[in-house]
PDB file of all heavy atoms in Angstrom:
ATOM      1  N   GLU A   1      99.287  19.795-153.175  1.00  0.00           N
ATOM      2  CA  GLU A   1      99.196  20.858-154.175  1.00  0.00           C
ATOM      3  C   GLU A   1      99.229  22.242-153.530  1.00  0.00           C
ATOM      4  O   GLU A   1      99.345  23.251-154.226  1.00  0.00           O
ATOM      5  CB  GLU A   1      97.899  20.705-154.983  1.00  0.00           C
ATOM      6  CG  GLU A   1      97.837  19.441-155.835  1.00  0.00           C
ATOM      7  CD  GLU A   1      96.510  19.293-156.559  1.00  0.00           C
ATOM      8  OE1 GLU A   1      95.634  20.172-156.353  1.00  0.00           O
ATOM      9  OE2 GLU A   1      96.350  18.325-157.308  1.00  0.00           O
ATOM     10  N   LYS A   2      99.123  22.269-152.188  1.00  0.00           N
ATOM     11  CA  LYS A   2      99.059  23.548-151.483  1.00  0.00           C
ATOM     12  C   LYS A   2     100.240  23.770-150.538  1.00  0.00           C
ATOM     13  O   LYS A   2     100.141  24.538-149.591  1.00  0.00           O
ATOM     14  CB  LYS A   2      97.747  23.631-150.699  1.00  0.00           C
ATOM     15  CG  LYS A   2      96.515  23.621-151.605  1.00  0.00           C
ATOM     16  CD  LYS A   2      95.237  23.698-150.796  1.00  0.00           C
ATOM     17  CE  LYS A   2      94.017  23.740-151.715  1.00  0.00           C
ATOM     18  NZ  LYS A   2      92.750  23.785-150.952  1.00  0.00           N
ATOM     19  N   GLY A   3     101.322  23.054-150.788  1.00  0.00           N
ATOM     20  CA  GLY A   3     102.531  23.314-150.004  1.00  0.00           C
ATOM     21  C   GLY A   3     102.994  22.179-149.129  1.00  0.00           C
ATOM     22  O   GLY A   3     104.109  22.233-148.591  1.00  0.00           O
ATOM     23  N   GLN A   4     102.185  21.143-148.924  1.00  0.00           N
ATOM     24  CA  GLN A   4     102.602  19.999-148.110  1.00  0.00           C
ATOM     25  C   GLN A   4     103.689  19.232-148.864  1.00  0.00           C
ATOM     26  O   GLN A   4     103.555  18.932-150.055  1.00  0.00           O
ATOM     27  CB  GLN A   4     101.408  19.070-147.859  1.00  0.00           C
ATOM     28  CG  GLN A   4     101.723  17.871-146.993  1.00  0.00           C
ATOM     29  CD  GLN A   4     101.173  18.004-145.582  1.00  0.00           C
ATOM     30  OE1 GLN A   4     100.604  19.028-145.225  1.00  0.00           O
ATOM     31  NE2 GLN A   4     101.357  16.985-144.780  1.00  0.00           N
ATOM     32  N   THR A   5     104.786  18.908-148.180  1.00  0.00           N
ATOM     33  CA  THR A   5     105.888  18.214-148.855  1.00  0.00           C
ATOM     34  C   THR A   5     106.260  16.900-148.182  1.00  0.00           C
ATOM     35  O   THR A   5     107.296  16.315-148.487  1.00  0.00           O
ATOM     36  CB  THR A   5     107.131  19.122-148.934  1.00  0.00           C
ATOM     37  OG1 THR A   5     107.497  19.551-147.617  1.00  0.00           O
ATOM     38  CG2 THR A   5     106.877  20.326-149.812  1.00  0.00           C
ATOM     39  N   ALA A   6     105.442  16.436-147.231  1.00  0.00           N
ATOM     40  CA  ALA A   6     105.633  15.114-146.617  1.00  0.00           C
ATOM     41  C   ALA A   6     104.265  14.527-146.317  1.00  0.00           C
ATOM     42  O   ALA A   6     103.304  15.260-146.062  1.00  0.00           O
ATOM     43  CB  ALA A   6     106.464  15.220-145.343  1.00  0.00           C
ATOM     44  N   LEU A   7     104.170  13.204-146.350  1.00  0.00           N
ATOM     45  CA  LEU A   7     102.903  12.513-146.097  1.00  0.00           C
ATOM     46  C   LEU A   7     102.808  12.215-144.607  1.00  0.00           C
ATOM     47  O   LEU A   7     103.531  11.362-144.091  1.00  0.00           O
ATOM     48  CB  LEU A   7     102.846  11.213-146.907  1.00  0.00           C
ATOM     49  CG  LEU A   7     103.157  11.343-148.407  1.00  0.00           C
ATOM     50  CD1 LEU A   7     103.095   9.986-149.082  1.00  0.00           C
ATOM     51  CD2 LEU A   7     102.210  12.333-149.071  1.00  0.00           C
ATOM     52  N   SER A   8     101.962  12.956-143.918  1.00  0.00           N
ATOM     53  CA  SER A   8     101.885  12.848-142.463  1.00  0.00           C
ATOM     54  C   SER A   8     100.444  12.700-142.010  1.00  0.00           C
ATOM     55  O   SER A   8      99.579  13.498-142.401  1.00  0.00           O
ATOM     56  CB  SER A   8     102.512  14.095-141.813  1.00  0.00           C
ATOM     57  OG  SER A   8     102.571  13.955-140.417  1.00  0.00           O
ATOM     58  N   PHE A   9     100.182  11.691-141.193  1.00  0.00           N
ATOM     59  CA  PHE A   9      98.839  11.427-140.676  1.00  0.00           C
ATOM     60  C   PHE A   9      98.955  10.403-139.558  1.00  0.00           C
ATOM     61  O   PHE A   9      99.999   9.754-139.402  1.00  0.00           O
ATOM     62  CB  PHE A   9      97.907  10.894-141.786  1.00  0.00           C
ATOM     63  CG  PHE A   9      98.509   9.774-142.599  1.00  0.00           C
ATOM     64  CD1 PHE A   9      98.421   8.452-142.186  1.00  0.00           C
ATOM     65  CD2 PHE A   9      99.176  10.061-143.792  1.00  0.00           C
ATOM     66  CE1 PHE A   9      98.996   7.426-142.933  1.00  0.00           C
ATOM     67  CE2 PHE A   9      99.754   9.035-144.546  1.00  0.00           C
ATOM     68  CZ  PHE A   9      99.655   7.714-144.113  1.00  0.00           C
ATOM     69  N   GLU A  10      97.900  10.292-138.759  1.00  0.00           N
ATOM     70  CA  GLU A  10      97.871   9.248-137.736  1.00  0.00           C
ATOM     71  C   GLU A  10      97.386   7.954-138.373  1.00  0.00           C
ATOM     72  O   GLU A  10      96.421   7.958-139.146  1.00  0.00           O
ATOM     73  CB  GLU A  10      96.957   9.656-136.580  1.00  0.00           C
ATOM     74  CG  GLU A  10      97.543  10.753-135.709  1.00  0.00           C
ATOM     75  CD  GLU A  10      96.648  11.108-134.522  1.00  0.00           C
ATOM     76  OE1 GLU A  10      95.562  10.498-134.406  1.00  0.00           O
ATOM     77  OE2 GLU A  10      97.030  11.995-133.750  1.00  0.00           O
ATOM     78  N   VAL A  11      98.069   6.862-138.043  1.00  0.00           N
ATOM     79  CA  VAL A  11      97.667   5.563-138.577  1.00  0.00           C
ATOM     80  C   VAL A  11      96.522   5.042-137.713  1.00  0.00           C
ATOM     81  O   VAL A  11      96.688   4.800-136.524  1.00  0.00           O
ATOM     82  CB  VAL A  11      98.837   4.564-138.561  1.00  0.00           C
ATOM     83  CG1 VAL A  11      98.401   3.227-139.163  1.00  0.00           C
ATOM     84  CG2 VAL A  11     100.029   5.135-139.322  1.00  0.00           C
ATOM     85  N   SER A  12      95.358   4.895-138.317  1.00  0.00           N
ATOM     86  CA  SER A  12      94.168   4.480-137.574  1.00  0.00           C
ATOM     87  C   SER A  12      93.789   3.044-137.908  1.00  0.00           C
ATOM     88  O   SER A  12      94.243   2.475-138.911  1.00  0.00           O
ATOM     89  CB  SER A  12      92.987   5.402-137.917  1.00  0.00           C
ATOM     90  OG  SER A  12      92.644   5.245-139.290  1.00  0.00           O
ATOM     91  N   GLU A  13      92.936   2.486-137.078  1.00  0.00           N
ATOM     92  CA  GLU A  13      92.428   1.145-137.342  1.00  0.00           C
ATOM     93  C   GLU A  13      91.635   1.126-138.650  1.00  0.00           C
ATOM     94  O   GLU A  13      91.698   0.158-139.409  1.00  0.00           O
ATOM     95  CB  GLU A  13      91.561   0.671-136.183  1.00  0.00           C
ATOM     96  CG  GLU A  13      92.345   0.362-134.914  1.00  0.00           C
ATOM     97  CD  GLU A  13      91.463  -0.213-133.815  1.00  0.00           C
ATOM     98  OE1 GLU A  13      90.242  -0.330-134.042  1.00  0.00           O
ATOM     99  OE2 GLU A  13      92.004  -0.548-132.749  1.00  0.00           O
ATOM    100  N   ALA A  14      90.891   2.206-138.906  1.00  0.00           N
ATOM    101  CA  ALA A  14      90.099   2.284-140.139  1.00  0.00           C
ATOM    102  C   ALA A  14      90.995   2.191-141.364  1.00  0.00           C
ATOM    103  O   ALA A  14      90.654   1.544-142.363  1.00  0.00           O
ATOM    104  CB  ALA A  14      89.302   3.578-140.161  1.00  0.00           C
ATOM    105  N   LEU A  15      92.160   2.818-141.297  1.00  0.00           N
ATOM    106  CA  LEU A  15      93.085   2.770-142.424  1.00  0.00           C
ATOM    107  C   LEU A  15      93.629   1.360-142.614  1.00  0.00           C
ATOM    108  O   LEU A  15      93.720   0.856-143.736  1.00  0.00           O
ATOM    109  CB  LEU A  15      94.231   3.763-142.201  1.00  0.00           C
ATOM    110  CG  LEU A  15      95.335   3.784-143.264  1.00  0.00           C
ATOM    111  CD1 LEU A  15      94.763   4.173-144.624  1.00  0.00           C
ATOM    112  CD2 LEU A  15      96.447   4.742-142.856  1.00  0.00           C
ATOM    113  N   LEU A  16      93.984   0.714-141.506  1.00  0.00           N
ATOM    114  CA  LEU A  16      94.560  -0.626-141.600  1.00  0.00           C
ATOM    115  C   LEU A  16      93.524  -1.667-142.005  1.00  0.00           C
ATOM    116  O   LEU A  16      93.865  -2.699-142.583  1.00  0.00           O
ATOM    117  CB  LEU A  16      95.205  -1.010-140.264  1.00  0.00           C
ATOM    118  CG  LEU A  16      96.419  -0.161-139.879  1.00  0.00           C
ATOM    119  CD1 LEU A  16      96.988  -0.613-138.543  1.00  0.00           C
ATOM    120  CD2 LEU A  16      97.503  -0.223-140.951  1.00  0.00           C
ATOM    121  N   GLU A  17      92.265  -1.411-141.684  1.00  0.00           N
ATOM    122  CA  GLU A  17      91.207  -2.335-142.108  1.00  0.00           C
ATOM    123  C   GLU A  17      91.030  -2.323-143.619  1.00  0.00           C
ATOM    124  O   GLU A  17      90.484  -3.259-144.199  1.00  0.00           O
ATOM    125  CB  GLU A  17      89.887  -1.960-141.426  1.00  0.00           C
ATOM    126  CG  GLU A  17      89.846  -2.347-139.945  1.00  0.00           C
ATOM    127  CD  GLU A  17      88.641  -1.770-139.227  1.00  0.00           C
ATOM    128  OE1 GLU A  17      87.841  -1.056-139.884  1.00  0.00           O
ATOM    129  OE2 GLU A  17      88.500  -2.019-138.009  1.00  0.00           O
ATOM    130  N   THR A  18      91.479  -1.244-144.243  1.00  0.00           N
ATOM    131  CA  THR A  18      91.366  -1.144-145.711  1.00  0.00           C
ATOM    132  C   THR A  18      92.760  -1.132-146.336  1.00  0.00           C
ATOM    133  O   THR A  18      92.991  -0.479-147.354  1.00  0.00           O
ATOM    134  CB  THR A  18      90.611   0.136-146.107  1.00  0.00           C
ATOM    135  OG1 THR A  18      91.303   1.272-145.546  1.00  0.00           O
ATOM    136  CG2 THR A  18      89.185   0.123-145.608  1.00  0.00           C
ATOM    137  N   LYS A  19      93.702  -1.868-145.729  1.00  0.00           N
ATOM    138  CA  LYS A  19      95.087  -1.807-146.190  1.00  0.00           C
ATOM    139  C   LYS A  19      95.269  -2.301-147.621  1.00  0.00           C
ATOM    140  O   LYS A  19      96.232  -1.930-148.296  1.00  0.00           O
ATOM    141  CB  LYS A  19      96.001  -2.587-145.243  1.00  0.00           C
ATOM    142  CG  LYS A  19      95.609  -4.034-145.010  1.00  0.00           C
ATOM    143  CD  LYS A  19      96.436  -4.626-143.881  1.00  0.00           C
ATOM    144  CE  LYS A  19      95.987  -6.059-143.553  1.00  0.00           C
ATOM    145  NZ  LYS A  19      96.673  -6.578-142.376  1.00  0.00           N
ATOM    146  N   GLU A  20      94.304  -3.123-148.094  1.00  0.00           N
ATOM    147  CA  GLU A  20      94.392  -3.553-149.488  1.00  0.00           C
ATOM    148  C   GLU A  20      94.157  -2.378-150.440  1.00  0.00           C
ATOM    149  O   GLU A  20      94.448  -2.456-151.632  1.00  0.00           O
ATOM    150  CB  GLU A  20      93.390  -4.675-149.767  1.00  0.00           C
ATOM    151  CG  GLU A  20      91.930  -4.279-149.666  1.00  0.00           C
ATOM    152  CD  GLU A  20      91.408  -4.265-148.225  1.00  0.00           C
ATOM    153  OE1 GLU A  20      92.182  -4.640-147.320  1.00  0.00           O
ATOM    154  OE2 GLU A  20      90.250  -3.872-148.021  1.00  0.00           O
ATOM    155  N   ARG A  21      93.630  -1.243-149.894  1.00  0.00           N
ATOM    156  CA  ARG A  21      93.380  -0.064-150.715  1.00  0.00           C
ATOM    157  C   ARG A  21      94.519   0.955-150.624  1.00  0.00           C
ATOM    158  O   ARG A  21      94.397   2.062-151.141  1.00  0.00           O
ATOM    159  CB  ARG A  21      92.079   0.610-150.279  1.00  0.00           C
ATOM    160  CG  ARG A  21      90.802  -0.165-150.611  1.00  0.00           C
ATOM    161  CD  ARG A  21      89.580   0.632-150.164  1.00  0.00           C
ATOM    162  NE  ARG A  21      89.542   1.960-150.792  1.00  0.00           N
ATOM    163  CZ  ARG A  21      88.791   2.972-150.337  1.00  0.00           C
ATOM    164  NH1 ARG A  21      88.038   2.808-149.256  1.00  0.00           N
ATOM    165  NH2 ARG A  21      88.790   4.141-150.971  1.00  0.00           N
ATOM    166  N   LEU A  22      95.623   0.587-149.975  1.00  0.00           N
ATOM    167  CA  LEU A  22      96.705   1.557-149.776  1.00  0.00           C
ATOM    168  C   LEU A  22      97.200   2.141-151.092  1.00  0.00           C
ATOM    169  O   LEU A  22      97.478   3.336-151.191  1.00  0.00           O
ATOM    170  CB  LEU A  22      97.869   0.911-149.020  1.00  0.00           C
ATOM    171  CG  LEU A  22      97.781   0.916-147.496  1.00  0.00           C
ATOM    172  CD1 LEU A  22      99.000   0.262-146.892  1.00  0.00           C
ATOM    173  CD2 LEU A  22      97.630   2.337-146.966  1.00  0.00           C
ATOM    174  N   ASN A  23      97.334   1.290-152.104  1.00  0.00           N
ATOM    175  CA  ASN A  23      97.778   1.795-153.403  1.00  0.00           C
ATOM    176  C   ASN A  23      96.832   2.854-153.946  1.00  0.00           C
ATOM    177  O   ASN A  23      97.241   3.883-154.491  1.00  0.00           O
ATOM    178  CB  ASN A  23      97.889   0.638-154.402  1.00  0.00           C
ATOM    179  CG  ASN A  23      99.325   0.141-154.519  1.00  0.00           C
ATOM    180  OD1 ASN A  23     100.233   0.734-153.956  1.00  0.00           O
ATOM    181  ND2 ASN A  23      99.508  -0.960-155.234  1.00  0.00           N
ATOM    182  N   GLU A  24      95.535   2.587-153.778  1.00  0.00           N
ATOM    183  CA  GLU A  24      94.526   3.534-154.256  1.00  0.00           C
ATOM    184  C   GLU A  24      94.565   4.828-153.448  1.00  0.00           C
ATOM    185  O   GLU A  24      94.476   5.931-153.998  1.00  0.00           O
ATOM    186  CB  GLU A  24      93.139   2.887-154.148  1.00  0.00           C
ATOM    187  CG  GLU A  24      92.000   3.826-154.493  1.00  0.00           C
ATOM    188  CD  GLU A  24      90.665   3.350-153.930  1.00  0.00           C
ATOM    189  OE1 GLU A  24      90.530   2.144-153.658  1.00  0.00           O
ATOM    190  OE2 GLU A  24      89.780   4.198-153.736  1.00  0.00           O
ATOM    191  N   ILE A  25      94.699   4.695-152.120  1.00  0.00           N
ATOM    192  CA  ILE A  25      94.682   5.864-151.236  1.00  0.00           C
ATOM    193  C   ILE A  25      95.908   6.742-151.454  1.00  0.00           C
ATOM    194  O   ILE A  25      95.819   7.969-151.572  1.00  0.00           O
ATOM    195  CB  ILE A  25      94.585   5.425-149.761  1.00  0.00           C
ATOM    196  CG1 ILE A  25      93.250   4.727-149.508  1.00  0.00           C
ATOM    197  CG2 ILE A  25      94.758   6.621-148.828  1.00  0.00           C
ATOM    198  CD1 ILE A  25      93.200   3.970-148.205  1.00  0.00           C
ATOM    199  N   LEU A  26      97.074   6.104-151.527  1.00  0.00           N
ATOM    200  CA  LEU A  26      98.323   6.857-151.617  1.00  0.00           C
ATOM    201  C   LEU A  26      98.686   7.225-153.041  1.00  0.00           C
ATOM    202  O   LEU A  26      99.368   8.236-153.277  1.00  0.00           O
ATOM    203  CB  LEU A  26      99.458   6.040-150.985  1.00  0.00           C
ATOM    204  CG  LEU A  26      99.307   5.725-149.495  1.00  0.00           C
ATOM    205  CD1 LEU A  26     100.414   4.788-149.035  1.00  0.00           C
ATOM    206  CD2 LEU A  26      99.312   6.992-148.662  1.00  0.00           C
ATOM    207  N   GLY A  27      98.251   6.409-153.989  1.00  0.00           N
ATOM    208  CA  GLY A  27      98.600   6.676-155.372  1.00  0.00           C
ATOM    209  C   GLY A  27     100.101   6.652-155.575  1.00  0.00           C
ATOM    210  O   GLY A  27     100.816   5.821-155.009  1.00  0.00           O
ATOM    211  N   ASP A  28     100.587   7.605-156.373  1.00  0.00           N
ATOM    212  CA  ASP A  28     102.033   7.669-156.620  1.00  0.00           C
ATOM    213  C   ASP A  28     102.745   8.619-155.659  1.00  0.00           C
ATOM    214  O   ASP A  28     103.933   8.908-155.832  1.00  0.00           O
ATOM    215  CB  ASP A  28     102.298   8.099-158.066  1.00  0.00           C
ATOM    216  CG  ASP A  28     101.763   9.509-158.356  1.00  0.00           C
ATOM    217  OD1 ASP A  28     101.036  10.064-157.492  1.00  0.00           O
ATOM    218  OD2 ASP A  28     102.061  10.046-159.433  1.00  0.00           O
TER     219      ASP A  28
END
């Protein structure tokens, strides 16, 4: 909402441990 136009982040173990929540985290 503040100008970011690409989804960029480091893929961490914490993120992959909750990969079933990816839909919730990323949304649309």
